[in-house]
Each structure stands twice: as structure tokens, then as C-alpha cells.
């Protein structure tokens, strides 16, 4: 049975937000919040962009660029995980008949 989502309060750029997430996703959400908050504070401290909305958009663009750079740079984590799962499945299929020998 799926666990019910819980609401937690997070702070981004000094402002509180209530966010709903599953208990098993809480730590990942908190890491994402910390990363976003750091990016937004970095942009704010540079002083070139004012207004929370503009800072949020600039942070989103920077994070999207980072993500796409990783993918374009030749390493796509999601693709690597898919390939690992495919290899594991092939290994399991190859090893299954061997278990009968012992």
C-alpha cells in the first residue's frame, strides 16, 4: 500500500513554503530545497537580478543548464541506470539455469 503524502514546511530565499511529499521522498526533497535555496541566494548576492520571481527564473535556467550539460556532456545518469538494469536482467536470465545445476 502506498504511503500517504505528508506536508512539510521548507524555506527558500527566506520565505516559508508548504510542500507535500511521500515520507520516503522527504530527504531527497530537502536536498533539492537546499540546492535551490543556495542557487537563489547566489543569484541574489550577485546583485544583478532583483525580485524573487526573476531570481527563481534565473535559478531554474541555471539548474536546467546544469542538467542539460551533464546529458550533452556524454553522461546521462538516467540512461546509465537503465542500461545497468538491462544488464542485470540479462545476467539474471543467464544465471537462472545455472542455479539448477547446484
Protein backbone atom coordinates (compact mmCIF):
# COMPACT_ATOMS: atom_id res chain seq x y z
CA UNK A 1 0.00 0.00 0.00
CA UNK A 2 1.31 3.44 -0.91
CA UNK A 3 2.20 5.71 1.95
CA UNK A 4 0.20 8.89 2.30
CA UNK A 5 1.89 12.15 1.49
CA UNK A 6 2.83 14.43 4.33
CA UNK A 7 3.12 18.19 4.30
CA UNK A 8 6.38 19.73 5.40
CA UNK A 9 7.42 23.36 5.63
CA UNK A 10 10.56 24.42 3.81
CA UNK A 11 12.26 27.78 3.47
CA UNK A 12 13.53 29.11 0.17
CA UNK A 13 15.15 32.53 -0.01
CA UNK A 14 13.82 33.30 3.47
CA UNK A 15 10.20 32.54 2.58
CA UNK A 16 8.32 29.55 4.00
CA UNK A 17 6.55 27.10 1.67
CA UNK A 18 4.40 24.11 2.50
CA UNK A 19 5.18 21.14 0.27
CA UNK A 20 3.57 17.73 0.13
CA UNK A 21 5.71 14.63 -0.37
CA UNK A 22 5.82 10.93 0.47
CA UNK A 23 7.82 10.06 3.59
CA UNK A 24 10.40 8.10 1.59
CA UNK A 25 10.97 11.16 -0.64
CA UNK A 26 11.48 13.61 2.23
CA UNK A 27 15.29 13.53 2.28
CA UNK A 28 15.52 13.98 -1.49
CA UNK A 29 13.09 16.89 -1.31
CA UNK A 30 15.10 18.54 1.46
CA UNK A 31 18.30 18.18 -0.59
CA UNK A 32 16.52 19.74 -3.59
CA UNK A 33 15.27 22.61 -1.43
CA UNK A 34 18.77 23.23 -0.06
CA UNK A 35 20.22 23.20 -3.58
CA UNK A 36 17.58 25.57 -4.94
CA UNK A 37 17.92 27.89 -1.94
CA UNK A 38 21.70 28.03 -2.42
CA UNK A 39 21.33 28.80 -6.14
CA UNK A 40 18.77 31.53 -5.48
CA UNK A 41 20.90 33.09 -2.72
CA UNK A 42 23.92 33.01 -5.02
CA UNK A 43 21.97 34.95 -7.67
CA UNK A 44 20.60 37.37 -5.08
CA UNK A 45 24.06 38.02 -3.63
CA UNK A 46 25.45 38.81 -7.09
CA UNK A 47 23.02 41.73 -7.09
CA UNK A 48 22.39 41.69 -10.84
CA UNK A 49 18.84 40.34 -10.57
CA UNK A 50 16.17 41.72 -8.26
CA UNK A 51 12.77 40.36 -7.36
CA UNK A 52 12.01 36.87 -6.14
CA UNK A 53 10.28 35.85 -9.37
CA UNK A 54 13.24 36.86 -11.51
CA UNK A 55 15.69 35.18 -9.14
CA UNK A 56 13.61 31.98 -9.28
CA UNK A 57 13.57 32.02 -13.09
CA UNK A 58 17.32 32.60 -13.27
CA UNK A 59 17.93 29.78 -10.78
CA UNK A 60 15.66 27.48 -12.82
CA UNK A 61 17.56 28.35 -16.00
CA UNK A 62 20.91 27.71 -14.31
CA UNK A 63 19.76 24.35 -12.94
CA UNK A 64 18.27 23.34 -16.32
CA UNK A 65 21.55 24.27 -17.98
CA UNK A 66 23.49 22.15 -15.49
CA UNK A 67 21.21 19.18 -16.14
CA UNK A 68 21.44 19.51 -19.91
CA UNK A 69 25.22 19.97 -19.75
CA UNK A 70 25.52 16.66 -17.94
CA UNK A 71 23.38 14.92 -20.56
CA UNK A 72 25.06 16.62 -23.54
CA UNK A 73 28.48 16.16 -21.98
CA UNK A 74 28.14 12.45 -22.59
CA UNK A 75 26.91 11.23 -19.24
CA UNK A 76 23.21 10.77 -18.66
CA UNK A 77 22.63 9.27 -15.21
CA UNK A 78 19.12 8.08 -16.07
CA UNK A 79 20.38 6.33 -19.20
CA UNK A 80 23.22 4.73 -17.22
CA UNK A 81 20.72 3.40 -14.68
CA UNK A 82 18.52 2.00 -17.48
CA UNK A 83 21.49 0.24 -19.02
CA UNK A 84 22.58 -1.19 -15.66
CA UNK A 85 19.06 -2.57 -15.10
CA UNK A 86 19.10 -4.13 -18.57
CA UNK A 87 22.47 -5.76 -17.90
CA UNK A 88 21.26 -7.05 -14.53
CA UNK A 89 18.20 -8.56 -16.20
CA UNK A 90 20.38 -10.31 -18.79
CA UNK A 91 22.68 -11.62 -16.07
CA UNK A 92 19.73 -12.90 -14.04
CA UNK A 93 18.33 -14.65 -17.12
CA UNK A 94 21.70 -16.21 -17.92
CA UNK A 95 22.35 -17.33 -14.35
CA UNK A 96 18.88 -18.74 -13.62
CA UNK A 97 19.51 -22.03 -15.47
CA UNK A 98 22.85 -22.40 -13.70
CA UNK A 99 21.14 -22.49 -10.30
CA UNK A 100 19.53 -25.80 -11.25
CA UNK A 101 22.98 -27.36 -11.62
CA UNK A 102 23.78 -26.96 -7.92
